[in-house]
Amino acid sequence: MKIIESDNRVVYTVSSCIDTIHAFTTRIGGISKGIYESLNLACRSGDDPENVKENYVRLCNALKIMPEDIVCSNQVHGTNVRVVDRSDCGMLFKQNVFNADAMITQIPGVALMVFTADCVPVLLYDPVKKAVGAVHAGWRSTVADIAGITVRKMADEFGCVPGDIRAAIGPCISKCCFETDNDVADALKEKLPEYAEECIGRRGNKFLVDLKIANRFLLKKTGVNDIMISNECTSCSDDKYWSHRKTGGQRGSQAGIIQLKVEN
């Protein structure tokens, strides 16, 4: 991953997604205060709306996109994939946002954004069919195969060949910190029995689950081979990212964002 620093904002980009504007954001470089310090992008978190708006201005200036081009959703830890068009833009700060944990589009200039604070952000890009996707994969959506469902939706809607799709799995809680009871481990064993040993470890009576590797295996099962994985853990690096677990839910959100470039 490449690090871009612009006016003290730090975002991460992926070289394989060259024809897109995209990023995994951190919590660095905004103006929010207190538990939301500093680049909080969650619009309905309880943060001062004016601070969040300024955070978006700063981020969008750094990425050279427009806030009104962003499409976001109400993430419900499900498997709904929304095909997005220009009419869906301008969702920020609105209450009547559709429910979806993944979005896809072929329309240049439409910026897909998913919010995370431990869950797995996945960005998808097909350079052949010129299509992009953004996925929010918590553990429930992971074991329900939201990443694979999104790839298949891109194939159905846009004619994408999974082998052409490039995937980037961004910063999220890692195996070192994602300690669970047997419910998560059992669900993952049922979904990926052949890879359970690589995805699940033990710590005393608890299980350690690797959602990054699980999503990689699920993507590979669909035929996606070009997969980049961030090595950063949001819980370990809570000075750089928000972690729902570390804060007990008292926090802001970072985001994964991807937009097809508009040809001049």
Protein backbone atom coordinates (compact mmCIF):
# COMPACT_ATOMS: atom_id res chain seq x y z
CA MET A 1 0.00 0.00 0.00
CA LYS A 2 1.14 3.53 -0.69
CA ILE A 3 0.85 6.25 1.96
CA ILE A 4 -0.31 9.69 0.90
CA GLU A 5 0.26 12.55 3.33
CA SER A 6 -1.56 15.76 2.42
CA ASP A 7 -1.81 18.62 4.91
CA ASN A 8 -1.30 16.12 7.77
CA ARG A 9 -3.96 13.76 6.47
CA VAL A 10 -2.85 10.17 6.02
CA VAL A 11 -4.62 7.84 3.63
CA TYR A 12 -3.60 4.59 1.97
CA THR A 13 -3.92 3.74 -1.69
CA VAL A 14 -3.29 0.62 -3.77
CA SER A 15 -1.13 0.68 -6.89
CA SER A 16 -3.21 -1.98 -8.67
CA CYS A 17 -6.27 0.33 -8.71
CA ILE A 18 -4.53 2.86 -10.91
CA ASP A 19 -7.57 4.06 -12.89
CA THR A 20 -9.56 4.93 -9.79
CA ILE A 21 -9.50 7.47 -7.01
CA HIS A 22 -9.53 5.42 -3.85
CA ALA A 23 -8.32 5.34 -0.27
CA PHE A 24 -8.50 3.74 3.12
CA THR A 25 -8.61 6.62 5.57
CA THR A 26 -7.16 6.94 9.06
CA ARG A 27 -8.37 9.08 11.95
CA ILE A 28 -5.61 11.63 11.32
CA GLY A 29 -6.03 15.14 9.94
CA GLY A 30 -9.54 16.32 10.84
CA ILE A 31 -10.96 18.80 13.33
CA SER A 32 -13.32 16.69 15.45
CA LYS A 33 -12.74 16.68 19.21
CA GLY A 34 -12.96 14.35 22.17
CA ILE A 35 -13.84 10.74 21.38
CA TYR A 36 -14.17 11.71 17.69
CA GLU A 37 -10.67 13.14 17.31
CA SER A 38 -9.88 13.91 14.55
CA LEU A 39 -10.88 12.84 10.99
CA ASN A 40 -14.22 11.32 11.97
CA LEU A 41 -16.31 10.51 8.89
CA ALA A 42 -19.38 9.09 10.64
CA CYS A 43 -22.23 11.51 9.90
CA ARG A 44 -24.66 10.25 12.53
CA SER A 45 -22.30 9.40 15.38
CA GLY A 46 -23.13 12.26 17.74
CA ASP A 47 -20.18 14.33 16.58
CA ASP A 48 -20.69 18.03 15.77
CA PRO A 49 -22.07 17.98 12.18
CA GLU A 50 -20.08 21.07 11.24
CA ASN A 51 -16.86 19.36 12.27
CA VAL A 52 -17.73 16.27 10.24
CA LYS A 53 -18.54 18.42 7.21
CA GLU A 54 -15.15 20.08 7.49
CA ASN A 55 -13.52 16.65 7.77
CA TYR A 56 -15.14 15.72 4.47
CA VAL A 57 -14.00 18.95 2.85
CA ARG A 58 -10.42 18.18 3.89
CA LEU A 59 -10.55 14.56 2.78
CA CYS A 60 -12.22 15.37 -0.53
CA ASN A 61 -9.70 18.12 -1.23
CA ALA A 62 -6.88 15.65 -0.62
CA LEU A 63 -8.44 13.05 -2.95
CA LYS A 64 -9.70 15.61 -5.47
CA ILE A 65 -13.31 14.46 -5.34
CA MET A 66 -16.55 16.24 -4.44
CA PRO A 67 -18.53 15.47 -1.25
CA GLU A 68 -21.75 15.45 -3.30
CA ASP A 69 -20.37 12.57 -5.41
CA ILE A 70 -20.19 10.24 -2.39
CA VAL A 71 -22.68 7.40 -1.98
CA CYS A 72 -22.97 5.71 1.41
CA SER A 73 -25.44 3.30 2.96
CA ASN A 74 -26.92 2.17 6.24
CA GLN A 75 -24.70 -0.81 7.03
CA VAL A 76 -26.64 -3.62 8.70
CA HIS A 77 -24.14 -6.52 8.67
CA GLY A 78 -26.11 -8.23 5.91
CA THR A 79 -25.50 -9.31 2.33
CA ASN A 80 -27.41 -6.76 0.28
CA VAL A 81 -25.41 -5.39 -2.67
CA ARG A 82 -26.71 -2.15 -4.16
CA VAL A 83 -26.13 -1.25 -7.80
CA VAL A 84 -25.48 2.49 -7.56
CA ASP A 85 -26.04 5.23 -10.11
CA ARG A 86 -25.78 9.00 -10.13
CA SER A 87 -29.21 9.37 -8.48
CA ASP A 88 -27.80 7.79 -5.30
CA CYS A 89 -25.15 10.47 -4.84
CA GLY A 90 -25.42 13.11 -2.12
CA MET A 91 -26.27 10.67 0.67
CA LEU A 92 -24.07 12.25 3.32
CA PHE A 93 -25.92 13.64 6.36
CA LYS A 94 -29.29 12.32 5.13
CA GLN A 95 -31.53 10.05 7.18
CA ASN A 96 -33.25 8.09 4.41
CA VAL A 97 -30.21 6.08 3.36
CA PHE A 98 -30.76 2.63 1.85
CA ASN A 99 -29.62 -0.54 3.67
CA ALA A 100 -26.64 -2.21 2.04
CA ASP A 101 -23.27 -3.59 3.07
CA ALA A 102 -21.82 -3.43 -0.42
CA MET A 103 -22.22 -1.14 -3.43
CA ILE A 104 -21.10 -1.47 -7.04
CA THR A 105 -21.12 0.86 -10.04
CA GLN A 106 -19.80 1.40 -13.56
CA ILE A 107 -20.47 5.12 -13.53
CA PRO A 108 -17.39 7.38 -13.47
CA GLY A 109 -17.46 10.08 -10.81
CA VAL A 110 -19.64 8.14 -8.36
CA ALA A 111 -17.67 7.59 -5.15
CA LEU A 112 -18.61 4.51 -3.11
CA MET A 113 -17.87 4.78 0.62
CA VAL A 114 -18.09 2.20 3.40
CA PHE A 115 -17.45 2.99 7.07
CA THR A 116 -15.44 0.85 9.48
CA ALA A 117 -14.05 0.79 13.01
CA ASP A 118 -12.75 -2.84 13.18
CA CYS A 119 -14.85 -4.41 10.39
CA VAL A 120 -13.18 -5.27 7.10
CA PRO A 121 -13.30 -2.74 4.23
CA VAL A 122 -12.87 -4.32 0.78
CA LEU A 123 -12.43 -2.30 -2.41
CA LEU A 124 -12.92 -3.98 -5.81
CA TYR A 125 -11.86 -2.81 -9.25
CA ASP A 126 -12.28 -4.38 -12.68
CA PRO A 127 -10.04 -2.56 -15.20
CA VAL A 128 -11.59 -4.45 -18.14
CA LYS A 129 -15.27 -3.67 -17.56
CA LYS A 130 -14.47 -0.43 -15.73
CA ALA A 131 -16.44 -1.31 -12.61
CA VAL A 132 -15.82 -0.77 -8.90
CA GLY A 133 -17.22 -2.03 -5.63
CA ALA A 134 -16.97 -1.21 -1.93
CA VAL A 135 -17.74 -3.81 0.74
CA HIS A 136 -18.27 -3.59 4.51
CA ALA A 137 -17.58 -7.03 6.01
CA GLY A 138 -18.12 -7.54 9.70
CA TRP A 139 -17.87 -11.11 10.94
CA ARG A 140 -21.54 -11.86 10.20
CA SER A 141 -21.26 -10.53 6.65
CA THR A 142 -17.94 -12.32 6.23
CA VAL A 143 -19.35 -15.75 7.07
CA ALA A 144 -22.34 -14.93 4.84
CA ASP A 145 -19.80 -14.31 2.02
CA ILE A 146 -20.56 -10.65 1.32
CA ALA A 147 -17.27 -10.32 -0.59
CA GLY A 148 -18.05 -13.26 -2.86
CA ILE A 149 -21.64 -12.14 -3.33
CA THR A 150 -20.41 -8.72 -4.43
CA VAL A 151 -18.01 -10.21 -6.99
CA ARG A 152 -20.80 -12.38 -8.41
CA LYS A 153 -23.09 -9.34 -8.54
CA MET A 154 -20.45 -7.49 -10.55
CA ALA A 155 -20.34 -10.45 -12.91
CA ASP A 156 -24.13 -10.57 -13.26
CA GLU A 157 -24.69 -6.83 -13.63
CA PHE A 158 -21.61 -5.73 -15.57
CA GLY A 159 -20.24 -8.89 -17.16
CA CYS A 160 -17.10 -8.82 -15.01
CA VAL A 161 -14.81 -11.83 -15.05
CA PRO A 162 -13.65 -12.50 -11.47
CA GLY A 163 -10.10 -13.16 -12.65
CA ASP A 164 -9.93 -9.57 -13.91
CA ILE A 165 -11.02 -8.04 -10.60
CA ARG A 166 -8.44 -6.54 -8.25
CA ALA A 167 -9.26 -6.52 -4.54
CA ALA A 168 -7.83 -4.54 -1.63
CA ILE A 169 -8.57 -5.52 1.96
CA GLY A 170 -7.95 -2.50 4.16
CA PRO A 171 -7.04 -1.95 7.82
CA CYS A 172 -9.33 -3.76 10.27
CA ILE A 173 -9.11 -5.73 13.47
CA SER A 174 -6.58 -8.51 13.04
CA LYS A 175 -6.28 -12.03 14.38
CA CYS A 176 -4.09 -10.79 17.23
CA CYS A 177 -6.99 -8.82 18.71
CA PHE A 178 -10.22 -10.38 17.40
CA GLU A 179 -10.88 -12.68 20.36
CA THR A 180 -14.26 -14.41 20.19
CA ASP A 181 -16.39 -17.14 21.69
CA ASN A 182 -17.15 -20.29 19.75
CA ASP A 183 -20.08 -18.76 17.80
CA VAL A 184 -17.83 -16.83 15.42
CA ALA A 185 -15.33 -19.67 15.08
CA ASP A 186 -18.07 -22.24 14.43
CA ALA A 187 -19.70 -20.07 11.78
CA LEU A 188 -16.38 -19.62 10.00
CA LYS A 189 -15.56 -23.33 10.22
CA GLU A 190 -18.89 -24.09 8.58
CA LYS A 191 -18.29 -21.56 5.79
CA LEU A 192 -14.62 -22.37 5.16
CA PRO A 193 -13.97 -25.84 6.57
CA GLU A 194 -10.91 -26.39 4.38
CA TYR A 195 -9.27 -23.17 5.64
CA ALA A 196 -10.39 -23.18 9.27
CA GLU A 197 -6.91 -23.95 10.61
CA GLU A 198 -5.46 -20.89 8.86
CA CYS A 199 -8.30 -18.57 9.92
CA ILE A 200 -8.76 -19.59 13.55
CA GLY A 201 -6.40 -19.82 16.51
CA ARG A 202 -6.82 -20.29 20.24
CA ARG A 203 -6.02 -18.23 23.32
CA GLY A 204 -7.07 -20.09 26.44
CA ASN A 205 -10.80 -20.70 26.20
CA LYS A 206 -11.20 -18.08 23.46
CA PHE A 207 -10.76 -18.17 19.70
CA LEU A 208 -8.69 -15.78 17.59
CA VAL A 209 -10.31 -15.19 14.20
CA ASP A 210 -8.58 -13.76 11.12
CA LEU A 211 -11.26 -11.94 9.10
CA LYS A 212 -8.70 -10.63 6.60
CA ILE A 213 -7.57 -14.10 5.58
CA ALA A 214 -11.16 -15.37 5.61
CA ASN A 215 -12.19 -12.68 3.14
CA ARG A 216 -9.15 -13.43 1.01
CA PHE A 217 -10.15 -17.11 0.80
CA LEU A 218 -13.75 -16.19 -0.01
CA LEU A 219 -12.59 -13.86 -2.79
CA LYS A 220 -10.27 -16.52 -4.19
CA LYS A 221 -13.12 -19.04 -4.23
CA THR A 222 -14.95 -16.73 -6.65
CA GLY A 223 -11.90 -16.53 -8.94
CA VAL A 224 -10.35 -13.25 -7.74
CA ASN A 225 -6.58 -13.71 -7.53
CA ASP A 226 -5.13 -10.18 -7.30
CA ILE A 227 -5.73 -9.45 -3.61
CA MET A 228 -3.83 -6.92 -1.50
CA ILE A 229 -4.14 -7.14 2.30
CA SER A 230 -3.22 -4.42 4.77
CA ASN A 231 -1.08 -5.65 7.65
CA GLU A 232 -2.43 -3.02 10.06
CA CYS A 233 -4.72 -3.81 12.99
CA THR A 234 -7.23 -1.15 14.01
CA SER A 235 -7.24 -2.38 17.60
CA CYS A 236 -3.45 -2.40 17.96
CA SER A 237 -3.14 0.99 16.24
CA ASP A 238 -6.00 2.82 17.92
CA ASP A 239 -3.96 6.03 17.77
CA LYS A 240 -4.27 5.87 13.97
CA TYR A 241 -7.67 4.15 13.56
CA TRP A 242 -10.94 3.86 15.42
CA SER A 243 -11.55 0.51 17.04
CA HIS A 244 -15.06 -0.35 18.21
CA ARG A 245 -13.66 -2.94 20.59
CA LYS A 246 -11.01 -0.70 22.11
CA THR A 247 -13.47 2.16 22.73
CA GLY A 248 -16.55 0.16 23.67
CA GLY A 249 -18.37 1.84 20.78
CA GLN A 250 -17.50 5.40 21.85
CA ARG A 251 -15.77 6.43 18.64
CA GLY A 252 -15.86 7.81 15.12
CA SER A 253 -15.36 5.96 11.85
CA GLN A 254 -12.78 5.73 9.13
CA ALA A 255 -13.73 4.74 5.60
CA GLY A 256 -12.86 2.93 2.42
CA ILE A 257 -13.71 4.88 -0.72
CA ILE A 258 -13.41 4.20 -4.45
CA GLN A 259 -14.44 6.17 -7.53
CA LEU A 260 -13.91 5.53 -11.25
CA LYS A 261 -12.05 8.46 -12.72
CA VAL A 262 -13.97 10.73 -15.05
CA GLU A 263 -12.25 10.89 -18.43
CA ASN A 264 -11.39 14.41 -19.54
